[in-house]
All heavy atoms as atom14 arrays in JSON, in Angstrom:
{
  "sequence": "TTTAILFGSFFAAGVVIKPLSGAIYDRVGI",
  "atom14_mask": [
    [1, 1, 1, 1, 1, 1, 1, 0, 0, 0, 0, 0, 0, 0],
    [1, 1, 1, 1, 1, 1, 1, 0, 0, 0, 0, 0, 0, 0],
    [1, 1, 1, 1, 1, 1, 1, 0, 0, 0, 0, 0, 0, 0],
    [1, 1, 1, 1, 1, 0, 0, 0, 0, 0, 0, 0, 0, 0],
    [1, 1, 1, 1, 1, 1, 1, 1, 0, 0, 0, 0, 0, 0],
    [1, 1, 1, 1, 1, 1, 1, 1, 0, 0, 0, 0, 0, 0],
    [1, 1, 1, 1, 1, 1, 1, 1, 1, 1, 1, 0, 0, 0],
    [1, 1, 1, 1, 0, 0, 0, 0, 0, 0, 0, 0, 0, 0],
    [1, 1, 1, 1, 1, 1, 0, 0, 0, 0, 0, 0, 0, 0],
    [1, 1, 1, 1, 1, 1, 1, 1, 1, 1, 1, 0, 0, 0],
    [1, 1, 1, 1, 1, 1, 1, 1, 1, 1, 1, 0, 0, 0],
    [1, 1, 1, 1, 1, 0, 0, 0, 0, 0, 0, 0, 0, 0],
    [1, 1, 1, 1, 1, 0, 0, 0, 0, 0, 0, 0, 0, 0],
    [1, 1, 1, 1, 0, 0, 0, 0, 0, 0, 0, 0, 0, 0],
    [1, 1, 1, 1, 1, 1, 1, 0, 0, 0, 0, 0, 0, 0],
    [1, 1, 1, 1, 1, 1, 1, 0, 0, 0, 0, 0, 0, 0],
    [1, 1, 1, 1, 1, 1, 1, 1, 0, 0, 0, 0, 0, 0],
    [1, 1, 1, 1, 1, 1, 1, 1, 1, 0, 0, 0, 0, 0],
    [1, 1, 1, 1, 1, 1, 1, 0, 0, 0, 0, 0, 0, 0],
    [1, 1, 1, 1, 1, 1, 1, 1, 0, 0, 0, 0, 0, 0],
    [1, 1, 1, 1, 1, 1, 0, 0, 0, 0, 0, 0, 0, 0],
    [1, 1, 1, 1, 0, 0, 0, 0, 0, 0, 0, 0, 0, 0],
    [1, 1, 1, 1, 1, 0, 0, 0, 0, 0, 0, 0, 0, 0],
    [1, 1, 1, 1, 1, 1, 1, 1, 0, 0, 0, 0, 0, 0],
    [1, 1, 1, 1, 1, 1, 1, 1, 1, 1, 1, 1, 0, 0],
    [1, 1, 1, 1, 1, 1, 1, 1, 0, 0, 0, 0, 0, 0],
    [1, 1, 1, 1, 1, 1, 1, 1, 1, 1, 1, 0, 0, 0],
    [1, 1, 1, 1, 1, 1, 1, 0, 0, 0, 0, 0, 0, 0],
    [1, 1, 1, 1, 0, 0, 0, 0, 0, 0, 0, 0, 0, 0],
    [1, 1, 1, 1, 1, 1, 1, 1, 0, 0, 0, 0, 0, 0]
  ],
  "atom14_positions": [
    [[69.87, 71.99, 82.54], [69.35, 73.29, 82.97], [69.93, 73.71, 84.32], [70.25, 74.88, 84.53], [67.81, 73.25, 83.05], [67.4, 72.13, 83.85], [67.2, 73.13, 81.67], [0.0, 0.0, 0.0], [0.0, 0.0, 0.0], [0.0, 0.0, 0.0], [0.0, 0.0, 0.0], [0.0, 0.0, 0.0], [0.0, 0.0, 0.0], [0.0, 0.0, 0.0]],
    [[70.07, 72.76, 85.24], [70.7, 73.06, 86.54], [72.15, 73.46, 86.34], [72.66, 74.39, 86.98], [70.61, 71.85, 87.48], [69.25, 71.44, 87.61], [71.19, 72.18, 88.85], [0.0, 0.0, 0.0], [0.0, 0.0, 0.0], [0.0, 0.0, 0.0], [0.0, 0.0, 0.0], [0.0, 0.0, 0.0], [0.0, 0.0, 0.0], [0.0, 0.0, 0.0]],
    [[72.84, 72.74, 85.45], [74.23, 73.06, 85.15], [74.36, 74.48, 84.61], [75.27, 75.23, 84.99], [74.78, 72.06, 84.11], [74.85, 70.76, 84.7], [76.17, 72.47, 83.64], [0.0, 0.0, 0.0], [0.0, 0.0, 0.0], [0.0, 0.0, 0.0], [0.0, 0.0, 0.0], [0.0, 0.0, 0.0], [0.0, 0.0, 0.0], [0.0, 0.0, 0.0]],
    [[73.44, 74.87, 83.73], [73.48, 76.23, 83.16], [73.31, 77.28, 84.25], [73.97, 78.32, 84.22], [72.4, 76.37, 82.1], [0.0, 0.0, 0.0], [0.0, 0.0, 0.0], [0.0, 0.0, 0.0], [0.0, 0.0, 0.0], [0.0, 0.0, 0.0], [0.0, 0.0, 0.0], [0.0, 0.0, 0.0], [0.0, 0.0, 0.0], [0.0, 0.0, 0.0]],
    [[72.46, 77.01, 85.23], [72.26, 77.96, 86.33], [73.52, 78.05, 87.19], [73.95, 79.15, 87.57], [71.04, 77.54, 87.18], [69.76, 77.67, 86.36], [70.95, 78.39, 88.44], [68.54, 77.07, 87.03], [0.0, 0.0, 0.0], [0.0, 0.0, 0.0], [0.0, 0.0, 0.0], [0.0, 0.0, 0.0], [0.0, 0.0, 0.0], [0.0, 0.0, 0.0]],
    [[74.13, 76.9, 87.49], [75.37, 76.9, 88.25], [76.47, 77.63, 87.5], [77.26, 78.39, 88.1], [75.8, 75.46, 88.56], [74.94, 74.69, 89.57], [75.33, 73.22, 89.58], [75.08, 75.29, 90.96], [0.0, 0.0, 0.0], [0.0, 0.0, 0.0], [0.0, 0.0, 0.0], [0.0, 0.0, 0.0], [0.0, 0.0, 0.0], [0.0, 0.0, 0.0]],
    [[76.55, 77.38, 86.21], [77.54, 78.04, 85.37], [77.32, 79.56, 85.4], [78.27, 80.33, 85.52], [77.41, 77.51, 83.95], [78.54, 77.89, 83.03], [79.86, 77.69, 83.4], [78.28, 78.41, 81.77], [80.9, 78.02, 82.54], [79.31, 78.74, 80.9], [80.63, 78.54, 81.29], [0.0, 0.0, 0.0], [0.0, 0.0, 0.0], [0.0, 0.0, 0.0]],
    [[76.07, 79.96, 85.33], [75.75, 81.38, 85.39], [76.1, 82.0, 86.72], [76.51, 83.17, 86.79], [0.0, 0.0, 0.0], [0.0, 0.0, 0.0], [0.0, 0.0, 0.0], [0.0, 0.0, 0.0], [0.0, 0.0, 0.0], [0.0, 0.0, 0.0], [0.0, 0.0, 0.0], [0.0, 0.0, 0.0], [0.0, 0.0, 0.0], [0.0, 0.0, 0.0]],
    [[75.99, 81.22, 87.81], [76.32, 81.76, 89.14], [77.79, 82.12, 89.25], [78.16, 83.05, 89.98], [75.94, 80.75, 90.22], [76.82, 79.64, 90.23], [0.0, 0.0, 0.0], [0.0, 0.0, 0.0], [0.0, 0.0, 0.0], [0.0, 0.0, 0.0], [0.0, 0.0, 0.0], [0.0, 0.0, 0.0], [0.0, 0.0, 0.0], [0.0, 0.0, 0.0]],
    [[78.64, 81.39, 88.53], [80.08, 81.69, 88.53], [80.31, 83.1, 88.01], [81.05, 83.9, 88.6], [80.8, 80.66, 87.65], [82.27, 80.92, 87.47], [83.15, 80.7, 88.51], [82.77, 81.36, 86.25], [84.51, 80.93, 88.34], [84.11, 81.58, 86.07], [85.0, 81.36, 87.11], [0.0, 0.0, 0.0], [0.0, 0.0, 0.0], [0.0, 0.0, 0.0]],
    [[79.66, 83.45, 86.91], [79.84, 84.77, 86.33], [79.05, 85.83, 87.09], [79.45, 87.0, 87.12], [79.44, 84.74, 84.86], [80.28, 83.8, 84.05], [79.77, 82.6, 83.59], [81.6, 84.1, 83.79], [80.55, 81.73, 82.86], [82.4, 83.23, 83.06], [81.87, 82.04, 82.59], [0.0, 0.0, 0.0], [0.0, 0.0, 0.0], [0.0, 0.0, 0.0]],
    [[77.94, 85.42, 87.71], [77.19, 86.37, 88.53], [78.06, 86.86, 89.69], [78.01, 88.04, 90.06], [75.92, 85.71, 89.06], [0.0, 0.0, 0.0], [0.0, 0.0, 0.0], [0.0, 0.0, 0.0], [0.0, 0.0, 0.0], [0.0, 0.0, 0.0], [0.0, 0.0, 0.0], [0.0, 0.0, 0.0], [0.0, 0.0, 0.0], [0.0, 0.0, 0.0]],
    [[78.86, 85.96, 90.24], [79.78, 86.37, 91.3], [80.78, 87.4, 90.79], [81.18, 88.32, 91.5], [80.52, 85.15, 91.86], [0.0, 0.0, 0.0], [0.0, 0.0, 0.0], [0.0, 0.0, 0.0], [0.0, 0.0, 0.0], [0.0, 0.0, 0.0], [0.0, 0.0, 0.0], [0.0, 0.0, 0.0], [0.0, 0.0, 0.0], [0.0, 0.0, 0.0]],
    [[81.17, 87.26, 89.53], [82.1, 88.21, 88.94], [81.54, 89.61, 88.83], [82.3, 90.59, 88.79], [0.0, 0.0, 0.0], [0.0, 0.0, 0.0], [0.0, 0.0, 0.0], [0.0, 0.0, 0.0], [0.0, 0.0, 0.0], [0.0, 0.0, 0.0], [0.0, 0.0, 0.0], [0.0, 0.0, 0.0], [0.0, 0.0, 0.0], [0.0, 0.0, 0.0]],
    [[80.22, 89.73, 88.77], [79.58, 91.05, 88.71], [79.94, 91.86, 89.95], [80.07, 93.09, 89.89], [78.05, 90.9, 88.56], [77.36, 92.25, 88.64], [77.71, 90.2, 87.25], [0.0, 0.0, 0.0], [0.0, 0.0, 0.0], [0.0, 0.0, 0.0], [0.0, 0.0, 0.0], [0.0, 0.0, 0.0], [0.0, 0.0, 0.0], [0.0, 0.0, 0.0]],
    [[80.12, 91.18, 91.06], [80.52, 91.86, 92.31], [82.03, 91.91, 92.43], [82.62, 92.94, 92.79], [79.91, 91.13, 93.53], [80.39, 91.76, 94.83], [78.4, 91.12, 93.45], [0.0, 0.0, 0.0], [0.0, 0.0, 0.0], [0.0, 0.0, 0.0], [0.0, 0.0, 0.0], [0.0, 0.0, 0.0], [0.0, 0.0, 0.0], [0.0, 0.0, 0.0]],
    [[82.69, 90.81, 92.1], [84.13, 90.67, 92.34], [84.94, 91.64, 91.48], [85.89, 92.27, 91.97], [84.57, 89.22, 92.09], [84.01, 88.31, 93.18], [86.09, 89.1, 92.04], [84.14, 86.84, 92.88], [0.0, 0.0, 0.0], [0.0, 0.0, 0.0], [0.0, 0.0, 0.0], [0.0, 0.0, 0.0], [0.0, 0.0, 0.0], [0.0, 0.0, 0.0]],
    [[84.6, 91.8, 90.21], [85.44, 92.59, 89.32], [85.45, 94.08, 89.65], [86.53, 94.68, 89.75], [85.04, 92.33, 87.86], [85.48, 90.96, 87.4], [85.19, 90.72, 85.94], [85.75, 89.37, 85.5], [85.48, 89.07, 84.08], [0.0, 0.0, 0.0], [0.0, 0.0, 0.0], [0.0, 0.0, 0.0], [0.0, 0.0, 0.0], [0.0, 0.0, 0.0]],
    [[84.29, 94.74, 89.83], [84.36, 96.16, 90.22], [85.03, 96.35, 91.58], [85.79, 97.3, 91.77], [82.89, 96.59, 90.27], [82.15, 95.59, 89.48], [82.9, 94.3, 89.64], [0.0, 0.0, 0.0], [0.0, 0.0, 0.0], [0.0, 0.0, 0.0], [0.0, 0.0, 0.0], [0.0, 0.0, 0.0], [0.0, 0.0, 0.0], [0.0, 0.0, 0.0]],
    [[84.77, 95.42, 92.5], [85.36, 95.53, 93.83], [86.88, 95.38, 93.76], [87.63, 96.17, 94.35], [84.76, 94.48, 94.76], [85.24, 94.49, 96.21], [84.92, 95.83, 96.86], [84.61, 93.35, 96.99], [0.0, 0.0, 0.0], [0.0, 0.0, 0.0], [0.0, 0.0, 0.0], [0.0, 0.0, 0.0], [0.0, 0.0, 0.0], [0.0, 0.0, 0.0]],
    [[87.34, 94.37, 93.02], [88.78, 94.16, 92.91], [89.44, 95.32, 92.18], [90.55, 95.74, 92.53], [89.07, 92.84, 92.2], [88.54, 92.82, 90.89], [0.0, 0.0, 0.0], [0.0, 0.0, 0.0], [0.0, 0.0, 0.0], [0.0, 0.0, 0.0], [0.0, 0.0, 0.0], [0.0, 0.0, 0.0], [0.0, 0.0, 0.0], [0.0, 0.0, 0.0]],
    [[88.75, 95.88, 91.15], [89.3, 97.03, 90.44], [89.42, 98.25, 91.34], [90.42, 98.97, 91.3], [0.0, 0.0, 0.0], [0.0, 0.0, 0.0], [0.0, 0.0, 0.0], [0.0, 0.0, 0.0], [0.0, 0.0, 0.0], [0.0, 0.0, 0.0], [0.0, 0.0, 0.0], [0.0, 0.0, 0.0], [0.0, 0.0, 0.0], [0.0, 0.0, 0.0]],
    [[88.39, 98.48, 92.15], [88.42, 99.63, 93.07], [89.52, 99.47, 94.12], [90.22, 100.44, 94.46], [87.06, 99.78, 93.74], [0.0, 0.0, 0.0], [0.0, 0.0, 0.0], [0.0, 0.0, 0.0], [0.0, 0.0, 0.0], [0.0, 0.0, 0.0], [0.0, 0.0, 0.0], [0.0, 0.0, 0.0], [0.0, 0.0, 0.0], [0.0, 0.0, 0.0]],
    [[89.68, 98.25, 94.63], [90.74, 98.0, 95.62], [92.11, 98.18, 94.98], [93.03, 98.76, 95.57], [90.59, 96.58, 96.22], [89.29, 96.48, 97.01], [91.79, 96.25, 97.11], [88.96, 95.09, 97.49], [0.0, 0.0, 0.0], [0.0, 0.0, 0.0], [0.0, 0.0, 0.0], [0.0, 0.0, 0.0], [0.0, 0.0, 0.0], [0.0, 0.0, 0.0]],
    [[92.24, 97.7, 93.73], [93.51, 97.88, 93.01], [93.87, 99.35, 92.87], [95.04, 99.74, 93.04], [93.41, 97.23, 91.62], [94.47, 97.73, 90.66], [95.77, 97.25, 90.73], [94.15, 98.68, 89.7], [96.74, 97.73, 89.86], [95.11, 99.16, 88.82], [96.41, 98.68, 88.91], [97.36, 99.15, 88.06], [0.0, 0.0, 0.0], [0.0, 0.0, 0.0]],
    [[92.88, 100.2, 92.56], [93.13, 101.63, 92.42], [93.7, 102.22, 93.71], [94.42, 103.23, 93.67], [91.84, 102.38, 92.06], [91.47, 102.2, 90.59], [92.37, 101.91, 89.77], [90.27, 102.36, 90.26], [0.0, 0.0, 0.0], [0.0, 0.0, 0.0], [0.0, 0.0, 0.0], [0.0, 0.0, 0.0], [0.0, 0.0, 0.0], [0.0, 0.0, 0.0]],
    [[93.41, 101.58, 94.84], [93.81, 102.13, 96.13], [95.07, 101.47, 96.72], [95.9, 102.16, 97.31], [92.65, 102.01, 97.13], [91.52, 102.98, 96.82], [90.22, 102.61, 97.52], [89.19, 103.63, 97.32], [88.48, 103.76, 96.21], [88.68, 102.94, 95.19], [87.58, 104.72, 96.09], [0.0, 0.0, 0.0], [0.0, 0.0, 0.0], [0.0, 0.0, 0.0]],
    [[95.21, 100.17, 96.57], [96.33, 99.49, 97.26], [97.29, 98.79, 96.32], [98.3, 98.25, 96.77], [95.79, 98.48, 98.31], [94.87, 99.16, 99.29], [95.11, 97.29, 97.64], [0.0, 0.0, 0.0], [0.0, 0.0, 0.0], [0.0, 0.0, 0.0], [0.0, 0.0, 0.0], [0.0, 0.0, 0.0], [0.0, 0.0, 0.0], [0.0, 0.0, 0.0]],
    [[97.0, 98.75, 95.01], [97.95, 98.15, 94.08], [97.67, 96.68, 93.8], [96.77, 96.06, 94.37], [0.0, 0.0, 0.0], [0.0, 0.0, 0.0], [0.0, 0.0, 0.0], [0.0, 0.0, 0.0], [0.0, 0.0, 0.0], [0.0, 0.0, 0.0], [0.0, 0.0, 0.0], [0.0, 0.0, 0.0], [0.0, 0.0, 0.0], [0.0, 0.0, 0.0]],
    [[98.49, 96.13, 92.92], [98.23, 94.79, 92.38], [98.57, 93.67, 93.35], [97.83, 92.69, 93.46], [99.01, 94.61, 91.05], [98.68, 93.26, 90.4], [100.51, 94.8, 91.23], [99.22, 93.12, 88.99], [0.0, 0.0, 0.0], [0.0, 0.0, 0.0], [0.0, 0.0, 0.0], [0.0, 0.0, 0.0], [0.0, 0.0, 0.0], [0.0, 0.0, 0.0]]
  ]
}
């Protein structure tokens, strides 16, 4: 159960990282 929570935290971070990285890409490139 602890492992599942840790595993979920990896993707929870992506909830912030992906839109942010996409928005930055739109402005400064790859």
